[in-house]
Amino acid sequence: MLNEKVIGEYVYLVSDECKVGVGQFSHVYKGYHEKTKKQVAIKQIDKKQIKGIFEQMLRNEINILKQLNHQYILKMDAYYETTNNFYIITEFCETDVLQILKNQGSLPEDKVIAYVLQISEALKYLNSKKIIHRDIKPSNILIHEGEVRLADFGFAVHQDKVGIEDRQFQIGSPLYMSPETLLKNQYNHKTDLWSLGVLYFEMIFGIVPFFSIEMDDLLRKLQQYQQDYILTFKYPISEASTEAIRNLLAYDPSHRCEIRNLEIILKKYYNNRAAGDASIHSQKRTITPDKRRRDSPNQSPEIRSKVQPVKKELVKVSCSAKCFDKNSTYFTKNKANKEDNQQHSKREENPGTDRKDNEAIHQISGIRLHEQTQQNDKVTHENMNNEEFLAFLIKKLESVKRQDPSQNIQINECQLLLYQYYGKDQNVLQGLKNKESSS
């Protein structure tokens, strides 16, 4: 067949139609096993272009993949080396998290939690073999039949072999690298947990928690985070996800939660949801004909084509990470801003799933941190929309709680009432705004 290439027991077509990924030194093709017809991914790396540290990373990836056999880690079926190329044969995956984020913007929280639990299982397995991945990011989380496959082990290292040579280079992608790696070039298994926290945040909100296109600015924002522990959530999420993200993104690695604790936090989410569903389905409801008529929507032609506004009640979020003294979490209006657009444009400029090259070490993309400035303080209450004013009130209440912990119970109840009123009656919140402005 024209352009058909055979490598060992595997066959693929050298064509753009069969190409599923492109890197600086490599091309990834969809192929199949000659006898079983099983689909595989064939990564072809040009020997002439890959020299020095990049060849070392490639051989390191091959040696590590040979040792691994786990449900949520990309499986290597074979490896070949010819005069001109290296070939790595792995199971074929339909997409990756980066492509999903480019197409959808973000993922449903239920799916994110499922993916995070699967990744945590993979990290637990790597930890048992004392292996640090060091490059967890969306393009390295492949998806096969709805399950994750942790991929790209070129930066991976055995914990006992992190020596002077490894510390001469900062290994990883800056946006997902832990503070101790960026500032002190230190690596341990907690490094991967920070990266997982950044990935968790990005899958839910579509952006990473700390954004900058300059390394110095990124370091400054991480140091600011060390002081105030402020994370910006674009909208409320479940208590389990909030607690998990805050514990994964603990600045001090000794405070970062272990995988077993992460699993306990997230499995509570499934248990609580299952209990809630069971209580709803167990309730017996009797609908009389009168009530059915009263609750039925009006189907008159005048309103049949209109979009009916639906008010959604915001979820109360508890953001207490036990290891933090300062644990404020803020919510911002869910709208595109300049930094979000910068991240999405970066994704469009860098398609494909094979990203292990010079840019993978030095490129910074997709980070954001909420900064409190005096300019924000000058914004008048009259200029705030209701969502911004709610965030302002919650922020003030959090400050009062820190000053007088004895009032925590009452203030928490007050915050809950604010959320309930905000979700049900915009006029009530507007009244609170007017009262606050006049005081």
Foldseek 3Di string as FASTA:
>chain_A
DPQWDDDPQKIFHPDPVQWFFDEPFWTWGWIAGNPPRAIKIKIKGFPVPQDDLRVVLVVVQVVVLVVDDDPQAWHWPDWDDDPTITITITHDFDFWQLVVCLVPLADPLVLLLVQLLLVLVVLVVCVVQQKAQQEDDGLQFTHHPSYTHRDDSSQMDRNVPCDPVQLVAQDYAVLQFALCCLPVVDDGSLRVLSSSLQRSLCNHRSFGFAADFDSVSSNVQLVVCLVAVETEAQADDAQLNLQQSSLSNNNDSVSRDRSVVNVVSSVVVVVVVVVVVVVVVVDDDDADPVNCVVPDDDCDPVCVPPDDDDFDFGDDYDNDHPVDLRGDYFHHHSDDDPQSVQQSVVSVVDDGSDYPDPCRRPGGHGHHHDDDDVVVVPDALVPDDLRVVLRVVLVVLSVVCSVPVVCVVVSSVVNSVSSRCVRPPVVVSVVVSVVVRVD
